């Protein structure tokens, strides 16, 4: 399938209509036979439901497409050759994706996600995994966040990486990752966004992004995640999509490892080296995407899982009729509404303490990760040692003591 320019414009107007999300978009297309007919039916549908459903104008949709083109991007539609086949198999796959960069979305991929407040050991291991997976021919997918995500992207620049954004293509978050985005594009990687051009990401946009990260990938690897980490949402989506979930174990004394240790206890594959991932995914990748696979919602009971869209309920009665209720499904509170990214530590002491954990790490690696000189690190470590907060090991490495 390949949309015409007119069809692409209609698709964009329909999916940008308030109350229309991935599932209701699919229902509208099937019910009315196409986006143009669904748009024509909107006034009658809104009148019957007692709600306002107003698609953006053709001019507004044309402006979005033009703005994306000026940034070097394009819209790809589900069903088109360039649209990622693995993602297409998932429930709630985005009808349209804004893509910048190389057409690498159908290469075999693995997601690498984890803590924003990552330890130096966690970042070093992420780099090791990303390099090894890239050298094995796999694309590394992540969410452009600081910490584990950023290190995964940087370590796989040469072999191919895909960054999935929570906002629009012009709203890089965090904003200090603009240079990383340019590096990804310059090295033949790709940057994806589902949300409209100009959209500033909000708390619940990040879980929406996470189901794309897992959907693009044969498996999701979680490196350092606290029990309420957003990375666990990505793992949950991977399970719902019938994809493999991997977790890197950590010290029981480190809160950043509680989520990953829980995943392992619940059946995720333990990872301590790249072959542990390749041994599991190799046969699956060899079989390739299953074009006949049913959507995840048809395979699993997901009725109690939270949605992150205010989607129109096409089968709901009028609000004034018996049993009538709001036209839109309301998202569940909790993880989806939490701020996604705490501020980065401002001073050297706080930054270095945040990078330490129960696992020993060398001072050179600590200095490189913190972005400070070795003398700064040595000064901070001396202060921490006098305060009884670190342990020095024979190898010269240091670790944080639990208090």
Protein backbone atom coordinates (compact mmCIF):
# COMPACT_ATOMS: atom_id res chain seq x y z
CA UNK A 1 0.00 0.00 0.00
CA UNK A 2 1.11 3.54 -0.75
CA UNK A 3 -1.01 6.56 0.16
CA UNK A 4 -1.51 9.37 -2.31
CA UNK A 5 -0.75 12.91 -1.11
CA UNK A 6 -4.48 13.56 -0.73
CA UNK A 7 -4.98 10.38 1.30
CA UNK A 8 -2.00 11.20 3.54
CA UNK A 9 -3.51 14.61 4.22
CA UNK A 10 -6.86 13.04 5.14
CA UNK A 11 -5.16 10.51 7.42
CA UNK A 12 -3.30 13.31 9.17
CA UNK A 13 -6.47 15.34 9.69
CA UNK A 14 -8.28 12.32 11.08
CA UNK A 15 -5.60 11.23 13.54
CA UNK A 16 -5.12 14.85 14.70
CA UNK A 17 -8.82 15.12 15.57
CA UNK A 18 -9.40 15.34 19.32
CA UNK A 19 -10.79 12.04 20.54
CA UNK A 20 -9.30 9.99 17.72
CA UNK A 21 -6.46 7.69 18.71
CA UNK A 22 -4.86 4.64 17.08
CA UNK A 23 -7.72 2.27 17.86
CA UNK A 24 -10.60 4.62 17.04
CA UNK A 25 -8.76 5.66 13.85
CA UNK A 26 -8.73 2.03 12.73
CA UNK A 27 -12.41 1.63 13.62
CA UNK A 28 -13.37 4.78 11.70
CA UNK A 29 -11.42 3.71 8.61
CA UNK A 30 -13.06 0.28 8.65
CA UNK A 31 -16.54 1.65 9.33
CA UNK A 32 -16.57 4.41 6.71
CA UNK A 33 -14.21 2.92 4.14
CA UNK A 34 -11.52 5.59 4.31
CA UNK A 35 -10.29 8.71 6.05
CA UNK A 36 -12.08 11.12 3.71
CA UNK A 37 -15.45 9.51 4.38
CA UNK A 38 -14.75 9.39 8.12
CA UNK A 39 -13.98 13.12 8.11
CA UNK A 40 -17.25 13.82 6.33
CA UNK A 41 -19.09 11.79 8.96
CA UNK A 42 -17.57 13.69 11.89
CA UNK A 43 -20.28 16.39 12.22
CA UNK A 44 -23.06 13.78 12.31
CA UNK A 45 -21.09 11.57 14.71
CA UNK A 46 -20.44 14.52 17.03
CA UNK A 47 -24.10 15.56 16.92
CA UNK A 48 -25.33 12.06 17.78
CA UNK A 49 -22.83 11.72 20.63
CA UNK A 50 -23.35 15.23 21.96
CA UNK A 51 -19.66 16.13 21.71
CA UNK A 52 -17.54 18.39 19.58
CA UNK A 53 -15.30 16.58 17.09
CA UNK A 54 -13.52 19.06 14.88
CA UNK A 55 -10.69 17.88 12.62
CA UNK A 56 -7.93 20.37 11.79
CA UNK A 57 -8.38 22.19 8.51
CA UNK A 58 -6.66 21.12 5.32
CA UNK A 59 -4.46 24.20 5.61
CA UNK A 60 -3.36 23.24 9.13
CA UNK A 61 -2.53 19.70 8.02
CA UNK A 62 -0.63 21.02 4.99
CA UNK A 63 1.32 23.35 7.29
CA UNK A 64 2.36 20.43 9.51
CA UNK A 65 3.55 18.39 6.53
CA UNK A 66 5.47 21.38 5.16
CA UNK A 67 7.10 22.15 8.53
CA UNK A 68 8.18 18.53 8.87
CA UNK A 69 9.61 18.58 5.34
CA UNK A 70 11.64 21.72 6.14
CA UNK A 71 13.19 19.76 9.01
CA UNK A 72 14.05 16.94 6.60
CA UNK A 73 11.23 14.66 7.72
CA UNK A 74 8.29 12.85 6.19
CA UNK A 75 5.13 11.05 7.27
CA UNK A 76 4.95 7.29 6.81
CA UNK A 77 1.66 5.42 7.10
CA UNK A 78 0.88 2.02 8.54
CA UNK A 79 0.80 -0.47 5.67
CA UNK A 80 3.39 1.35 3.59
CA UNK A 81 6.68 -0.36 2.75
CA UNK A 82 8.75 1.97 4.94
CA UNK A 83 6.53 1.54 8.00
CA UNK A 84 8.12 -0.86 10.54
CA UNK A 85 6.53 -4.28 10.14
CA UNK A 86 7.07 -5.31 13.76
CA UNK A 87 5.33 -2.19 15.03
CA UNK A 88 2.49 -2.70 12.55
CA UNK A 89 1.65 -6.02 14.23
CA UNK A 90 0.99 -4.37 17.61
CA UNK A 91 -2.27 -3.17 19.01
CA UNK A 92 -2.55 0.64 18.90
CA UNK A 93 0.23 1.03 16.32
CA UNK A 94 0.38 4.71 15.25
CA UNK A 95 -1.41 5.23 11.91
CA UNK A 96 1.20 7.85 10.99
CA UNK A 97 4.80 8.35 12.10
CA UNK A 98 6.96 11.40 11.50
CA UNK A 99 10.34 10.08 10.39
CA UNK A 100 13.68 11.78 10.00
CA UNK A 101 16.76 9.92 8.89
CA UNK A 102 17.59 6.70 7.11
CA UNK A 103 15.06 3.96 6.19
CA UNK A 104 16.32 1.47 8.77
CA UNK A 105 13.06 0.76 10.61
CA UNK A 106 12.72 -2.75 9.19
CA UNK A 107 16.17 -3.89 10.23
CA UNK A 108 16.20 -6.32 13.20
CA UNK A 109 16.22 -4.22 16.36
CA UNK A 110 16.56 -4.48 20.13
CA UNK A 111 15.38 -1.87 22.63
CA UNK A 112 17.76 -0.75 25.38
CA UNK A 113 16.12 1.26 28.16
CA UNK A 114 16.75 2.08 31.79
CA UNK A 115 17.26 4.61 34.52
CA UNK A 116 17.82 8.30 33.86
CA UNK A 117 19.68 8.49 37.15
CA UNK A 118 21.98 5.67 36.08
CA UNK A 119 25.12 4.53 37.87
CA UNK A 120 28.50 4.61 36.19
CA UNK A 121 28.53 0.79 36.19
CA UNK A 122 25.10 0.73 34.54
CA UNK A 123 26.16 3.19 31.87
CA UNK A 124 29.36 1.26 31.15
CA UNK A 125 27.43 -2.00 30.80
CA UNK A 126 24.87 -0.32 28.55
CA UNK A 127 27.68 0.82 26.27
CA UNK A 128 29.05 -2.71 26.18
CA UNK A 129 25.65 -4.15 25.27
CA UNK A 130 24.88 -1.52 22.62
CA UNK A 131 28.24 -1.98 20.90
CA UNK A 132 27.96 -5.75 20.94
CA UNK A 133 24.39 -5.75 19.62
CA UNK A 134 25.35 -3.32 16.87
CA UNK A 135 28.34 -5.42 15.86
CA UNK A 136 25.97 -8.40 15.64
CA UNK A 137 23.89 -6.50 13.06
CA UNK A 138 21.09 -5.28 15.31
CA UNK A 139 19.72 -1.74 15.45
CA UNK A 140 19.49 -0.27 18.95
CA UNK A 141 16.21 1.47 19.80
CA UNK A 142 15.74 3.79 22.76
CA UNK A 143 13.88 6.87 23.97
CA UNK A 144 16.47 9.69 23.87
CA UNK A 145 16.24 10.25 27.64
CA UNK A 146 19.33 10.98 29.66
CA UNK A 147 21.12 8.14 31.40
CA UNK A 148 20.80 4.66 29.91
CA UNK A 149 18.94 5.79 26.76
CA UNK A 150 21.52 8.39 25.79
CA UNK A 151 24.43 6.00 26.37
CA UNK A 152 22.71 3.32 24.26
CA UNK A 153 22.28 5.77 21.37
CA UNK A 154 25.86 7.06 21.57
CA UNK A 155 27.37 3.58 21.70
CA UNK A 156 25.45 2.46 18.59
CA UNK A 157 25.90 5.51 16.36
CA UNK A 158 28.23 3.66 14.03
CA UNK A 159 26.03 0.58 13.69
CA UNK A 160 22.56 2.14 13.64
CA UNK A 161 20.20 3.53 16.26
CA UNK A 162 16.59 4.72 16.34
CA UNK A 163 15.43 7.40 18.79
CA UNK A 164 11.72 7.58 19.59
CA UNK A 165 10.58 11.00 20.79
CA UNK A 166 7.71 11.75 23.17
CA UNK A 167 6.94 15.13 21.58
CA UNK A 168 6.95 16.51 18.07
CA UNK A 169 9.98 16.25 15.81
CA UNK A 170 10.91 19.86 16.59
CA UNK A 171 10.56 19.44 20.38
CA UNK A 172 13.63 17.48 21.46
CA UNK A 173 13.47 16.40 25.08
CA UNK A 174 15.62 16.91 27.00
CA UNK A 175 16.65 19.94 24.96
CA UNK A 176 20.36 19.38 25.64
CA UNK A 177 20.13 16.24 23.46
CA UNK A 178 19.81 18.26 20.25
CA UNK A 179 23.44 17.45 19.42
CA UNK A 180 22.75 13.75 20.01
CA UNK A 181 19.82 13.88 17.57
CA UNK A 182 22.05 15.48 14.94
CA UNK A 183 24.68 12.80 15.54
CA UNK A 184 22.08 10.04 15.13
CA UNK A 185 20.89 11.53 11.85
CA UNK A 186 24.42 12.21 10.64
CA UNK A 187 25.50 8.62 11.22
CA UNK A 188 22.62 7.02 9.32
CA UNK A 189 20.21 6.52 12.21
CA UNK A 190 16.56 7.55 12.48
CA UNK A 191 14.38 9.71 14.73
CA UNK A 192 10.66 8.93 15.10
CA UNK A 193 7.75 10.90 16.54
CA UNK A 194 4.05 10.13 16.75
CA UNK A 195 2.92 13.45 18.18
CA UNK A 196 2.15 16.59 16.11
CA UNK A 197 4.83 19.00 14.99
CA UNK A 198 5.30 21.57 17.74
CA UNK A 199 3.93 19.27 20.47
CA UNK A 200 5.72 19.75 23.82
CA UNK A 201 5.83 16.36 25.62
CA UNK A 202 3.76 15.93 28.77
CA UNK A 203 3.94 13.25 31.44
CA UNK A 204 1.64 10.74 29.79
CA UNK A 205 3.25 11.17 26.36
CA UNK A 206 6.25 9.14 27.55
CA UNK A 207 4.32 5.88 28.14
CA UNK A 208 2.79 6.39 24.67
CA UNK A 209 6.31 6.60 23.28
CA UNK A 210 7.37 3.49 25.20
CA UNK A 211 4.96 1.18 23.39
CA UNK A 212 6.58 2.31 20.11
CA UNK A 213 10.06 1.56 21.45
CA UNK A 214 9.07 -2.00 22.37
CA UNK A 215 6.96 -2.40 19.25
CA UNK A 216 9.90 -1.67 16.97
CA UNK A 217 12.00 -4.34 18.64
CA UNK A 218 12.25 -8.10 18.83
CA UNK A 219 13.16 -7.73 22.50
CA UNK A 220 13.52 -5.11 25.22
CA UNK A 221 16.52 -5.01 27.55
CA UNK A 222 16.11 -3.11 30.84
CA UNK A 223 19.27 -1.85 32.53
CA UNK A 224 18.76 -0.36 36.01
CA UNK A 225 15.14 0.46 36.80
CA UNK A 226 13.55 1.36 40.11
CA UNK A 227 10.20 -0.22 40.94
CA UNK A 228 8.21 2.73 39.55
CA UNK A 229 10.50 3.39 36.60
CA UNK A 230 9.02 4.25 33.23
CA UNK A 231 11.29 1.55 31.78
CA UNK A 232 9.03 -1.04 33.37
CA UNK A 233 6.17 0.36 31.27
CA UNK A 234 8.26 -0.43 28.20
CA UNK A 235 8.81 -3.96 29.51
CA UNK A 236 5.09 -4.36 30.13
CA UNK A 237 4.31 -3.26 26.59
CA UNK A 238 6.88 -5.71 25.25
CA UNK A 239 5.12 -8.54 27.08
CA UNK A 240 1.74 -7.42 25.76
CA UNK A 241 3.21 -7.38 22.24
CA UNK A 242 4.54 -10.94 22.68
CA UNK A 243 8.13 -9.76 22.54
CA UNK A 244 11.07 -10.92 24.62
CA UNK A 245 12.00 -9.11 27.84
CA UNK A 246 15.53 -9.10 29.22
CA UNK A 247 16.83 -7.57 32.46
CA UNK A 248 20.29 -6.85 33.81
CA UNK A 249 20.60 -7.91 37.45
CA UNK A 250 21.89 -5.50 40.07
CA UNK A 251 22.78 -5.27 43.69
CA UNK A 252 19.84 -5.75 46.09
CA UNK A 253 21.27 -2.74 47.95
CA UNK A 254 20.77 -0.44 44.96
CA UNK A 255 17.21 0.94 44.49
CA UNK A 256 18.01 1.35 40.79
CA UNK A 257 18.10 -2.45 40.50
CA UNK A 258 14.84 -3.25 42.29
CA UNK A 259 12.76 -3.13 39.10
CA UNK A 260 15.16 -5.21 37.01
CA UNK A 261 15.59 -7.79 39.76
CA UNK A 262 11.79 -8.02 39.99
CA UNK A 263 11.59 -8.61 36.23
CA UNK A 264 14.05 -11.49 36.48
CA UNK A 265 12.11 -12.99 39.35
CA UNK A 266 8.96 -12.75 37.21
CA UNK A 267 10.56 -14.60 34.30
CA UNK A 268 12.56 -12.08 32.25
CA UNK A 269 15.78 -13.43 30.76
CA UNK A 270 18.80 -12.52 32.87
CA UNK A 271 21.49 -10.70 30.87
CA UNK A 272 25.12 -10.40 31.82
CA UNK A 273 26.57 -10.42 28.30
CA UNK A 274 25.55 -9.85 24.69
CA UNK A 275 25.30 -13.58 23.77
CA UNK A 276 22.53 -13.98 26.35
CA UNK A 277 20.39 -11.72 24.15
CA UNK A 278 21.53 -13.12 20.81
CA UNK A 279 20.92 -16.74 21.84
CA UNK A 280 17.26 -15.97 22.53
CA UNK A 281 16.58 -13.58 19.66
CA UNK A 282 18.61 -15.34 16.95
CA UNK A 283 15.99 -17.99 16.06
CA UNK A 284 13.16 -15.43 16.33
CA UNK A 285 14.89 -12.97 13.99
CA UNK A 286 15.68 -15.79 11.57
CA UNK A 287 11.96 -16.54 11.28
CA UNK A 288 11.29 -12.85 10.66
CA UNK A 289 8.14 -10.82 11.37
CA UNK A 290 5.01 -12.92 11.40
CA UNK A 291 2.73 -11.15 8.96
CA UNK A 292 -0.23 -13.24 10.09
CA UNK A 293 0.22 -12.53 13.79
CA UNK A 294 -2.90 -11.29 15.55
CA UNK A 295 -2.80 -7.94 17.34
CA UNK A 296 -1.76 -8.20 20.97
CA UNK A 297 -5.22 -7.24 22.19
CA UNK A 298 -6.61 -10.31 20.46
CA UNK A 299 -4.08 -12.57 22.17
CA UNK A 300 -4.03 -11.19 25.68
CA UNK A 301 -6.60 -9.88 28.12
CA UNK A 302 -5.63 -6.22 28.33
CA UNK A 303 -8.92 -4.80 29.52
CA UNK A 304 -7.48 -3.68 32.82
CA UNK A 305 -4.40 -2.08 31.29
CA UNK A 306 -4.29 1.73 31.26
CA UNK A 307 -4.78 3.67 28.05
CA UNK A 308 -3.00 6.94 27.44
CA UNK A 309 -5.43 8.47 24.92
CA UNK A 310 -8.75 10.25 25.27
CA UNK A 311 -10.31 8.19 22.50
CA UNK A 312 -13.81 8.45 21.13
CA UNK A 313 -16.02 5.48 22.01
CA UNK A 314 -17.89 4.89 18.76
CA UNK A 315 -20.24 2.39 20.37
CA UNK A 316 -21.18 4.51 23.39
CA UNK A 317 -24.78 5.77 23.69
CA UNK A 318 -25.55 9.49 23.80
CA UNK A 319 -24.62 10.94 27.24
CA UNK A 320 -28.32 11.81 27.80
CA UNK A 321 -29.47 8.26 27.05
CA UNK A 322 -29.72 5.53 29.73
CA UNK A 323 -26.27 4.15 30.31
CA UNK A 324 -24.70 7.08 28.48
CA UNK A 325 -21.36 8.45 29.61
CA UNK A 326 -18.53 10.64 28.41
CA UNK A 327 -17.57 10.18 24.77
CA UNK A 328 -13.92 9.76 25.68
CA UNK A 329 -12.08 7.02 27.53
CA UNK A 330 -10.22 8.62 30.41
CA UNK A 331 -6.64 7.55 31.12
CA UNK A 332 -5.85 5.88 34.39
CA UNK A 333 -3.88 7.98 36.89
CA UNK A 334 -0.48 7.00 38.20
CA UNK A 335 2.66 6.43 36.20
CA UNK A 336 1.31 8.16 33.11
CA UNK A 337 0.84 11.48 34.91
CA UNK A 338 4.18 11.62 36.71
CA UNK A 339 6.89 14.04 35.56
CA UNK A 340 9.19 12.06 33.31
CA UNK A 341 12.59 13.57 33.98
CA UNK A 342 13.97 14.91 37.28
CA UNK A 343 16.53 17.71 36.95
CA UNK A 344 20.17 16.78 36.51
CA UNK A 345 22.39 17.25 39.60
CA UNK A 346 24.01 20.67 39.47
CA UNK A 347 27.10 20.27 41.69
CA UNK A 348 29.99 17.82 41.34
CA UNK A 349 29.36 16.06 44.66
CA UNK A 350 25.71 15.34 43.93
CA UNK A 351 26.48 14.27 40.36
CA UNK A 352 29.23 11.85 41.38
CA UNK A 353 27.23 10.36 44.26
CA UNK A 354 24.36 9.75 41.81
CA UNK A 355 26.72 7.82 39.54
CA UNK A 356 28.00 5.58 42.33
CA UNK A 357 26.37 2.39 43.55
CA UNK A 358 27.19 -0.86 45.32
CA UNK A 359 29.08 -2.12 42.24
CA UNK A 360 32.73 -1.00 42.21
CA UNK A 361 33.71 1.45 39.47
CA UNK A 362 37.08 2.87 38.45
CA UNK A 363 37.87 6.54 39.01
CA UNK A 364 38.75 7.10 35.34
CA UNK A 365 35.38 5.75 34.22
CA UNK A 366 33.67 7.83 36.91
CA UNK A 367 35.40 11.00 35.69
CA UNK A 368 34.48 10.27 32.06
CA UNK A 369 30.85 9.63 32.87
CA UNK A 370 30.54 12.67 35.15
CA UNK A 371 32.25 14.89 32.59
CA UNK A 372 34.76 16.27 35.11
CA UNK A 373 38.51 16.05 35.62
CA UNK A 374 40.14 13.25 37.57
CA UNK A 375 41.26 15.70 40.28
CA UNK A 376 37.65 16.75 40.87
CA UNK A 377 36.68 13.11 41.25
CA UNK A 378 39.53 12.42 43.66
CA UNK A 379 38.57 15.43 45.78
CA UNK A 380 34.93 14.37 45.95
CA UNK A 381 35.88 10.76 46.74
CA UNK A 382 38.13 11.92 49.57
CA UNK A 383 35.25 13.91 51.03
CA UNK A 384 32.95 10.89 50.73
CA UNK A 385 35.59 8.60 52.26
CA UNK A 386 36.05 10.88 55.26
CA UNK A 387 32.27 10.86 55.65
CA UNK A 388 32.25 7.04 55.60
CA UNK A 389 30.10 6.86 52.45
CA UNK A 390 32.35 4.92 50.07
CA UNK A 391 34.53 1.84 50.10
CA UNK A 392 37.86 1.65 48.25
CA UNK A 393 38.78 -1.68 46.67
CA UNK A 394 42.19 -3.16 45.97
CA UNK A 395 41.78 -2.56 42.24
CA UNK A 396 41.47 1.16 42.91
CA UNK A 397 37.74 1.10 42.23
CA UNK A 398 35.22 2.59 44.64
CA UNK A 399 31.66 1.74 45.60
CA UNK A 400 28.93 3.49 47.57
CA UNK A 401 28.11 2.14 51.01
CA UNK A 402 24.49 1.75 52.05
CA UNK A 403 23.52 4.05 54.91
